[in-house]
Amino acid sequence: MKTDKDFNTQVYDYDRLGDLLFIFHKNHKNYLNNLLAEYDLNLIQVLCILKIDSEDNLNQKDLSDSLYLTKGAITKAIKKLESNNIVIRERSKEDKRHNVLRLSQKGKDLLPIIDEINQDWESRMGLDSLSDEFLETFKQLAFKSAELNDKKLI
């Protein structure tokens, strides 16, 4: 009879970077989602909050493009954030077809909490001890993978 360990070794190849990244991402997402649930948030919603905070006049399409998420995922996240009074949607003055997103005071009050949760995870993982060279290489690979998807070369 096969155990979970046997199954995992058949599914994941621990010598492949893509498999390791999937495991890393999945567990990072689960960790954050578990802690964020206390605030009725999930990781996608938090990514939206952080992006909205960092840019003025951001609309849902630009948010979707910048986070590499589908328009449907962004719409669902924004509706939930709006219903929880975290995000405010306002009709754009420049383009009436778009809604501009901004944080409410409640949304702004969540920023230090989100930062603390993420800093704690990074510290526990030892990410603060990674070299600048490693981080730069990893960043380049991440953006290259995004470019490959944008070019529809798959």
N, C-alpha and C. Protein backbone atom coordinates (compact mmCIF):
# COMPACT_ATOMS: atom_id res chain seq x y z
N MET A 1 0.83 -1.17 0.00
CA MET A 1 0.00 0.00 0.00
C MET A 1 0.89 1.25 0.00
N LYS A 2 0.53 2.20 -0.86
CA LYS A 2 1.33 3.42 -0.97
C LYS A 2 0.93 4.42 0.09
N THR A 3 1.94 5.05 0.64
CA THR A 3 1.69 6.09 1.65
C THR A 3 1.65 7.45 0.96
N ASP A 4 1.27 8.48 1.73
CA ASP A 4 1.28 9.84 1.19
C ASP A 4 2.67 10.22 0.73
N LYS A 5 3.69 9.76 1.48
CA LYS A 5 5.07 10.08 1.12
C LYS A 5 5.41 9.49 -0.25
N ASP A 6 4.99 8.23 -0.49
CA ASP A 6 5.25 7.61 -1.79
C ASP A 6 4.55 8.38 -2.90
N PHE A 7 3.32 8.79 -2.65
CA PHE A 7 2.56 9.54 -3.65
C PHE A 7 3.26 10.86 -3.98
N ASN A 8 3.68 11.57 -2.94
CA ASN A 8 4.33 12.87 -3.15
C ASN A 8 5.62 12.74 -3.93
N THR A 9 6.38 11.67 -3.70
CA THR A 9 7.63 11.53 -4.44
C THR A 9 7.36 11.18 -5.89
N GLN A 10 6.21 10.60 -6.18
CA GLN A 10 5.86 10.32 -7.57
C GLN A 10 5.35 11.57 -8.27
N VAL A 11 4.68 12.43 -7.55
CA VAL A 11 4.10 13.64 -8.14
C VAL A 11 5.14 14.73 -8.27
N TYR A 12 5.90 14.96 -7.20
CA TYR A 12 6.87 16.05 -7.19
C TYR A 12 8.28 15.50 -7.39
N ASP A 13 9.03 16.18 -8.22
CA ASP A 13 10.44 15.89 -8.39
C ASP A 13 11.20 16.98 -7.65
N TYR A 14 11.79 16.63 -6.52
CA TYR A 14 12.44 17.61 -5.67
C TYR A 14 13.73 18.16 -6.26
N ASP A 15 14.11 17.68 -7.44
CA ASP A 15 15.27 18.23 -8.14
C ASP A 15 14.85 19.24 -9.21
N ARG A 16 13.53 19.44 -9.37
CA ARG A 16 13.03 20.41 -10.34
C ARG A 16 12.61 21.69 -9.62
N LEU A 17 13.15 22.80 -10.08
CA LEU A 17 12.86 24.08 -9.46
C LEU A 17 11.36 24.39 -9.49
N GLY A 18 10.70 24.11 -10.59
CA GLY A 18 9.27 24.39 -10.70
C GLY A 18 8.46 23.67 -9.64
N ASP A 19 8.78 22.43 -9.36
CA ASP A 19 8.06 21.67 -8.33
C ASP A 19 8.32 22.26 -6.95
N LEU A 20 9.56 22.63 -6.68
CA LEU A 20 9.89 23.23 -5.39
C LEU A 20 9.20 24.58 -5.21
N LEU A 21 9.14 25.36 -6.28
CA LEU A 21 8.46 26.65 -6.22
C LEU A 21 6.96 26.48 -5.95
N PHE A 22 6.38 25.46 -6.56
CA PHE A 22 4.96 25.18 -6.31
C PHE A 22 4.73 24.86 -4.84
N ILE A 23 5.56 24.00 -4.27
CA ILE A 23 5.44 23.62 -2.86
C ILE A 23 5.62 24.85 -1.98
N PHE A 24 6.63 25.66 -2.28
CA PHE A 24 6.91 26.88 -1.52
C PHE A 24 5.71 27.83 -1.58
N HIS A 25 5.22 28.07 -2.79
CA HIS A 25 4.09 28.99 -2.98
C HIS A 25 2.83 28.49 -2.28
N LYS A 26 2.55 27.21 -2.44
CA LYS A 26 1.35 26.63 -1.83
C LYS A 26 1.38 26.78 -0.31
N ASN A 27 2.51 26.49 0.28
CA ASN A 27 2.62 26.59 1.73
C ASN A 27 2.66 28.03 2.23
N HIS A 28 3.26 28.91 1.46
CA HIS A 28 3.25 30.34 1.80
C HIS A 28 1.81 30.85 1.77
N LYS A 29 1.10 30.51 0.72
CA LYS A 29 -0.31 30.92 0.57
C LYS A 29 -1.15 30.38 1.72
N ASN A 30 -0.99 29.11 2.05
CA ASN A 30 -1.76 28.51 3.15
C ASN A 30 -1.45 29.18 4.48
N TYR A 31 -0.18 29.43 4.74
CA TYR A 31 0.23 30.09 5.99
C TYR A 31 -0.43 31.46 6.10
N LEU A 32 -0.29 32.26 5.04
CA LEU A 32 -0.86 33.60 5.06
C LEU A 32 -2.38 33.57 5.14
N ASN A 33 -3.01 32.71 4.35
CA ASN A 33 -4.48 32.64 4.38
C ASN A 33 -5.00 32.26 5.76
N ASN A 34 -4.30 31.36 6.44
CA ASN A 34 -4.74 30.97 7.78
C ASN A 34 -4.69 32.15 8.75
N LEU A 35 -3.63 32.95 8.69
CA LEU A 35 -3.52 34.11 9.57
C LEU A 35 -4.45 35.24 9.14
N LEU A 36 -4.63 35.41 7.83
CA LEU A 36 -5.48 36.49 7.32
C LEU A 36 -6.96 36.22 7.55
N ALA A 37 -7.32 34.96 7.73
CA ALA A 37 -8.73 34.61 7.95
C ALA A 37 -9.29 35.31 9.19
N GLU A 38 -8.44 35.58 10.15
CA GLU A 38 -8.86 36.30 11.35
C GLU A 38 -9.42 37.68 11.01
N TYR A 39 -8.95 38.23 9.88
CA TYR A 39 -9.39 39.56 9.44
C TYR A 39 -10.37 39.46 8.27
N ASP A 40 -10.87 38.25 8.00
CA ASP A 40 -11.78 37.98 6.89
C ASP A 40 -11.16 38.37 5.55
N LEU A 41 -9.87 38.03 5.40
CA LEU A 41 -9.12 38.32 4.19
C LEU A 41 -8.45 37.06 3.67
N ASN A 42 -8.10 37.09 2.38
CA ASN A 42 -7.25 36.05 1.81
C ASN A 42 -6.10 36.71 1.05
N LEU A 43 -5.19 35.91 0.55
CA LEU A 43 -3.98 36.43 -0.06
C LEU A 43 -4.28 37.30 -1.28
N ILE A 44 -5.20 36.89 -2.13
CA ILE A 44 -5.52 37.69 -3.32
C ILE A 44 -6.06 39.05 -2.91
N GLN A 45 -6.91 39.08 -1.91
CA GLN A 45 -7.44 40.36 -1.43
C GLN A 45 -6.32 41.24 -0.88
N VAL A 46 -5.39 40.63 -0.16
CA VAL A 46 -4.27 41.39 0.39
C VAL A 46 -3.38 41.94 -0.72
N LEU A 47 -3.14 41.14 -1.75
CA LEU A 47 -2.36 41.65 -2.88
C LEU A 47 -3.05 42.86 -3.51
N CYS A 48 -4.37 42.81 -3.60
CA CYS A 48 -5.14 43.95 -4.13
C CYS A 48 -4.97 45.16 -3.22
N ILE A 49 -5.11 44.96 -1.93
CA ILE A 49 -4.97 46.06 -0.97
C ILE A 49 -3.59 46.72 -1.11
N LEU A 50 -2.55 45.92 -1.17
CA LEU A 50 -1.19 46.45 -1.26
C LEU A 50 -0.96 47.21 -2.57
N LYS A 51 -1.49 46.68 -3.65
CA LYS A 51 -1.32 47.34 -4.96
C LYS A 51 -2.12 48.64 -5.01
N ILE A 52 -3.33 48.62 -4.50
CA ILE A 52 -4.16 49.84 -4.47
C ILE A 52 -3.48 50.91 -3.64
N ASP A 53 -2.88 50.50 -2.53
CA ASP A 53 -2.18 51.46 -1.68
C ASP A 53 -0.98 52.08 -2.38
N SER A 54 -0.34 51.33 -3.25
CA SER A 54 0.90 51.80 -3.87
C SER A 54 0.70 52.63 -5.13
N GLU A 55 -0.52 52.65 -5.70
CA GLU A 55 -0.75 53.37 -6.96
C GLU A 55 -2.01 54.22 -6.90
N ASP A 56 -1.91 55.40 -7.47
CA ASP A 56 -3.08 56.27 -7.59
C ASP A 56 -3.81 55.96 -8.90
N ASN A 57 -5.08 56.21 -8.93
CA ASN A 57 -5.91 56.05 -10.13
C ASN A 57 -5.84 54.65 -10.73
N LEU A 58 -5.80 53.66 -9.90
CA LEU A 58 -5.72 52.27 -10.34
C LEU A 58 -7.12 51.74 -10.60
N ASN A 59 -7.31 51.12 -11.77
CA ASN A 59 -8.61 50.49 -12.05
C ASN A 59 -8.46 48.97 -12.02
N GLN A 60 -9.57 48.26 -12.11
CA GLN A 60 -9.54 46.81 -11.96
C GLN A 60 -8.75 46.13 -13.06
N LYS A 61 -8.80 46.63 -14.29
CA LYS A 61 -8.03 46.01 -15.37
C LYS A 61 -6.54 46.14 -15.11
N ASP A 62 -6.11 47.33 -14.71
CA ASP A 62 -4.69 47.53 -14.41
C ASP A 62 -4.26 46.68 -13.22
N LEU A 63 -5.14 46.54 -12.24
CA LEU A 63 -4.87 45.71 -11.08
C LEU A 63 -4.69 44.26 -11.51
N SER A 64 -5.59 43.79 -12.36
CA SER A 64 -5.51 42.43 -12.88
C SER A 64 -4.20 42.20 -13.63
N ASP A 65 -3.86 43.13 -14.50
CA ASP A 65 -2.63 43.00 -15.30
C ASP A 65 -1.39 43.02 -14.42
N SER A 66 -1.36 43.91 -13.45
CA SER A 66 -0.15 44.06 -12.63
C SER A 66 0.06 42.90 -11.66
N LEU A 67 -1.03 42.24 -11.25
CA LEU A 67 -0.90 41.12 -10.32
C LEU A 67 -0.88 39.77 -11.03
N TYR A 68 -1.01 39.78 -12.35
CA TYR A 68 -1.03 38.55 -13.14
C TYR A 68 -2.17 37.62 -12.68
N LEU A 69 -3.31 38.23 -12.41
CA LEU A 69 -4.50 37.48 -12.01
C LEU A 69 -5.61 37.74 -13.00
N THR A 70 -6.56 36.82 -13.09
CA THR A 70 -7.66 37.00 -14.03
C THR A 70 -8.57 38.13 -13.60
N LYS A 71 -9.28 38.67 -14.57
CA LYS A 71 -10.25 39.73 -14.26
C LYS A 71 -11.31 39.21 -13.30
N GLY A 72 -11.70 37.95 -13.45
CA GLY A 72 -12.70 37.35 -12.57
C GLY A 72 -12.22 37.27 -11.13
N ALA A 73 -10.97 36.89 -10.94
CA ALA A 73 -10.42 36.80 -9.58
C ALA A 73 -10.36 38.19 -8.94
N ILE A 74 -9.99 39.18 -9.74
CA ILE A 74 -9.91 40.55 -9.22
C ILE A 74 -11.31 41.08 -8.90
N THR A 75 -12.27 40.83 -9.77
CA THR A 75 -13.64 41.28 -9.53
C THR A 75 -14.18 40.69 -8.24
N LYS A 76 -13.97 39.39 -8.05
CA LYS A 76 -14.44 38.73 -6.82
C LYS A 76 -13.77 39.34 -5.58
N ALA A 77 -12.47 39.55 -5.66
CA ALA A 77 -11.73 40.11 -4.52
C ALA A 77 -12.20 41.53 -4.21
N ILE A 78 -12.36 42.35 -5.24
CA ILE A 78 -12.76 43.74 -5.03
C ILE A 78 -14.18 43.82 -4.48
N LYS A 79 -15.07 42.98 -4.98
CA LYS A 79 -16.44 42.98 -4.44
C LYS A 79 -16.44 42.67 -2.95
N LYS A 80 -15.65 41.69 -2.54
CA LYS A 80 -15.57 41.33 -1.12
C LYS A 80 -14.94 42.46 -0.31
N LEU A 81 -13.88 43.05 -0.82
CA LEU A 81 -13.22 44.15 -0.12
C LEU A 81 -14.15 45.36 -0.01
N GLU A 82 -14.91 45.59 -1.05
CA GLU A 82 -15.85 46.71 -1.03
C GLU A 82 -16.99 46.45 -0.03
N SER A 83 -17.50 45.23 -0.02
CA SER A 83 -18.59 44.91 0.91
C SER A 83 -18.12 44.95 2.37
N ASN A 84 -16.83 44.75 2.59
CA ASN A 84 -16.26 44.83 3.95
C ASN A 84 -15.72 46.23 4.26
N ASN A 85 -16.04 47.19 3.40
CA ASN A 85 -15.64 48.59 3.60
C ASN A 85 -14.13 48.79 3.70
N ILE A 86 -13.39 48.01 2.90
CA ILE A 86 -11.94 48.12 2.87
C ILE A 86 -11.48 48.89 1.64
N VAL A 87 -12.21 48.69 0.54
CA VAL A 87 -11.90 49.36 -0.73
C VAL A 87 -13.12 50.16 -1.17
N ILE A 88 -12.83 51.29 -1.78
CA ILE A 88 -13.89 52.15 -2.32
C ILE A 88 -13.69 52.23 -3.83
N ARG A 89 -14.77 51.98 -4.57
CA ARG A 89 -14.74 52.13 -6.03
C ARG A 89 -15.42 53.44 -6.39
N GLU A 90 -14.75 54.24 -7.20
CA GLU A 90 -15.31 55.50 -7.66
C GLU A 90 -15.16 55.59 -9.17
N ARG A 91 -16.14 56.17 -9.82
CA ARG A 91 -16.08 56.35 -11.27
C ARG A 91 -14.90 57.28 -11.60
N SER A 92 -14.08 56.88 -12.57
CA SER A 92 -12.93 57.67 -12.98
C SER A 92 -13.40 58.98 -13.61
N LYS A 93 -12.74 60.06 -13.25
CA LYS A 93 -13.06 61.36 -13.86
C LYS A 93 -12.52 61.44 -15.29
N GLU A 94 -11.41 60.74 -15.54
CA GLU A 94 -10.79 60.76 -16.87
C GLU A 94 -11.47 59.82 -17.86
N ASP A 95 -11.92 58.66 -17.37
CA ASP A 95 -12.54 57.66 -18.25
C ASP A 95 -13.72 57.05 -17.51
N LYS A 96 -14.91 57.44 -17.89
CA LYS A 96 -16.14 57.02 -17.20
C LYS A 96 -16.40 55.52 -17.30
N ARG A 97 -15.66 54.82 -18.17
CA ARG A 97 -15.83 53.36 -18.29
C ARG A 97 -15.15 52.60 -17.16
N HIS A 98 -14.27 53.28 -16.45
CA HIS A 98 -13.48 52.62 -15.42
C HIS A 98 -13.82 53.13 -14.02
N ASN A 99 -13.66 52.25 -13.06
CA ASN A 99 -13.75 52.62 -11.65
C ASN A 99 -12.34 52.71 -11.10
N VAL A 100 -12.08 53.78 -10.37
CA VAL A 100 -10.80 53.95 -9.70
C VAL A 100 -10.94 53.36 -8.30
N LEU A 101 -9.92 52.67 -7.86
CA LEU A 101 -9.93 52.00 -6.56
C LEU A 101 -9.08 52.76 -5.57
N ARG A 102 -9.57 52.86 -4.35
CA ARG A 102 -8.77 53.46 -3.27
C ARG A 102 -9.13 52.76 -1.97
N LEU A 103 -8.25 52.86 -1.01
CA LEU A 103 -8.48 52.24 0.29
C LEU A 103 -9.29 53.16 1.18
N SER A 104 -10.20 52.57 1.92
CA SER A 104 -10.90 53.30 2.98
C SER A 104 -9.95 53.41 4.17
N GLN A 105 -10.38 54.09 5.21
CA GLN A 105 -9.56 54.16 6.41
C GLN A 105 -9.37 52.76 7.01
N LYS A 106 -10.43 51.95 6.95
CA LYS A 106 -10.32 50.57 7.45
C LYS A 106 -9.25 49.81 6.67
N GLY A 107 -9.20 50.02 5.35
CA GLY A 107 -8.18 49.39 4.52
C GLY A 107 -6.79 49.86 4.89
N LYS A 108 -6.63 51.16 5.11
CA LYS A 108 -5.33 51.71 5.50
C LYS A 108 -4.90 51.17 6.85
N ASP A 109 -5.86 50.96 7.75
CA ASP A 109 -5.54 50.43 9.08
C ASP A 109 -5.06 48.98 9.02
N LEU A 110 -5.39 48.27 7.95
CA LEU A 110 -4.95 46.88 7.79
C LEU A 110 -3.50 46.77 7.32
N LEU A 111 -2.95 47.82 6.73
CA LEU A 111 -1.61 47.75 6.15
C LEU A 111 -0.53 47.32 7.14
N PRO A 112 -0.46 47.89 8.35
CA PRO A 112 0.58 47.42 9.28
C PRO A 112 0.36 45.98 9.74
N ILE A 113 -0.88 45.55 9.82
CA ILE A 113 -1.18 44.17 10.21
C ILE A 113 -0.69 43.21 9.13
N ILE A 114 -0.98 43.55 7.88
CA ILE A 114 -0.54 42.73 6.74
C ILE A 114 0.98 42.66 6.72
N ASP A 115 1.62 43.80 6.91
CA ASP A 115 3.08 43.84 6.91
C ASP A 115 3.66 42.98 8.02
N GLU A 116 3.08 43.04 9.20
CA GLU A 116 3.56 42.25 10.33
C GLU A 116 3.43 40.75 10.05
N ILE A 117 2.30 40.34 9.49
CA ILE A 117 2.09 38.92 9.17
C ILE A 117 3.14 38.45 8.17
N ASN A 118 3.37 39.25 7.13
CA ASN A 118 4.33 38.85 6.11
C ASN A 118 5.76 38.87 6.65
N GLN A 119 6.11 39.89 7.44
CA GLN A 119 7.46 39.97 8.02
C GLN A 119 7.73 38.77 8.93
N ASP A 120 6.72 38.37 9.68
CA ASP A 120 6.88 37.22 10.56
C ASP A 120 7.17 35.96 9.76
N TRP A 121 6.42 35.76 8.66
CA TRP A 121 6.65 34.58 7.81
C TRP A 121 8.05 34.61 7.22
N GLU A 122 8.45 35.76 6.68
CA GLU A 122 9.77 35.87 6.07
C GLU A 122 10.87 35.60 7.09
N SER A 123 10.70 36.10 8.29
CA SER A 123 11.69 35.88 9.34
C SER A 123 11.76 34.40 9.72
N ARG A 124 10.60 33.78 9.91
CA ARG A 124 10.56 32.34 10.26
C ARG A 124 11.20 31.48 9.17
N MET A 125 11.05 31.92 7.92
CA MET A 125 11.60 31.17 6.80
C MET A 125 13.09 31.46 6.59
N GLY A 126 13.60 32.50 7.23
CA GLY A 126 15.00 32.86 7.04
C GLY A 126 15.26 33.61 5.74
N LEU A 127 14.23 34.18 5.16
CA LEU A 127 14.39 34.86 3.88
C LEU A 127 15.24 36.13 4.00
N ASP A 128 15.31 36.68 5.20
CA ASP A 128 16.11 37.88 5.39
C ASP A 128 17.61 37.60 5.30
N SER A 129 17.99 36.32 5.29
CA SER A 129 19.42 35.98 5.19
C SER A 129 19.82 35.58 3.77
N LEU A 130 18.90 35.65 2.81
CA LEU A 130 19.25 35.32 1.43
C LEU A 130 20.11 36.43 0.83
N SER A 131 21.01 36.07 -0.03
CA SER A 131 21.91 37.05 -0.63
C SER A 131 21.17 37.93 -1.63
N ASP A 132 21.69 39.13 -1.81
CA ASP A 132 21.12 40.05 -2.80
C ASP A 132 21.22 39.45 -4.20
N GLU A 133 22.30 38.74 -4.46
CA GLU A 133 22.51 38.10 -5.77
C GLU A 133 21.42 37.06 -6.04
N PHE A 134 21.13 36.23 -5.04
CA PHE A 134 20.08 35.23 -5.19
C PHE A 134 18.74 35.90 -5.48
N LEU A 135 18.42 36.93 -4.69
CA LEU A 135 17.14 37.62 -4.87
C LEU A 135 17.04 38.26 -6.25
N GLU A 136 18.11 38.84 -6.73
CA GLU A 136 18.10 39.47 -8.05
C GLU A 136 17.91 38.42 -9.14
N THR A 137 18.60 37.30 -9.04
CA THR A 137 18.44 36.22 -10.01
C THR A 137 17.02 35.69 -9.99
N PHE A 138 16.49 35.49 -8.80
CA PHE A 138 15.13 34.99 -8.67
C PHE A 138 14.12 35.98 -9.25
N LYS A 139 14.33 37.25 -9.00
CA LYS A 139 13.45 38.29 -9.54
C LYS A 139 13.46 38.24 -11.07
N GLN A 140 14.64 38.13 -11.65
CA GLN A 140 14.75 38.07 -13.11
C GLN A 140 14.01 36.86 -13.66
N LEU A 141 14.14 35.72 -12.99
CA LEU A 141 13.43 34.52 -13.43
C LEU A 141 11.91 34.70 -13.33
N ALA A 142 11.45 35.31 -12.25
CA ALA A 142 10.02 35.54 -12.07
C ALA A 142 9.47 36.41 -13.20
N PHE A 143 10.16 37.49 -13.52
CA PHE A 143 9.67 38.38 -14.57
C PHE A 143 9.79 37.73 -15.95
N LYS A 144 10.82 36.91 -16.15
CA LYS A 144 10.95 36.20 -17.42
C LYS A 144 9.78 35.23 -17.60
N SER A 145 9.38 34.54 -16.53
CA SER A 145 8.25 33.61 -16.63
C SER A 145 6.96 34.38 -16.96
N ALA A 146 6.81 35.58 -16.39
CA ALA A 146 5.64 36.40 -16.70
C ALA A 146 5.66 36.84 -18.16
N GLU A 147 6.83 37.22 -18.66
CA GLU A 147 6.96 37.63 -20.06
C GLU A 147 6.59 36.48 -21.00
N LEU A 148 7.02 35.27 -20.67
CA LEU A 148 6.69 34.13 -21.52
C LEU A 148 5.18 33.93 -21.61
N ASN A 149 4.48 34.13 -20.52
CA ASN A 149 3.02 34.03 -20.53
C ASN A 149 2.40 35.17 -21.32
N ASP A 150 2.94 36.37 -21.21
CA ASP A 150 2.43 37.51 -21.95
C ASP A 150 2.57 37.32 -23.45
N LYS A 151 3.65 36.65 -23.86
CA LYS A 151 3.90 36.44 -25.27
C LYS A 151 3.15 35.24 -25.84
N LYS A 152 2.46 34.51 -24.95
CA LYS A 152 1.67 33.35 -25.35
C LYS A 152 2.49 32.33 -26.14
N LEU A 153 3.70 32.06 -25.64
CA LEU A 153 4.60 31.11 -26.29
C LEU A 153 4.34 29.68 -25.88
N ILE A 154 3.44 29.50 -24.97
CA ILE A 154 3.22 28.16 -24.43
C ILE A 154 2.45 27.32 -25.43
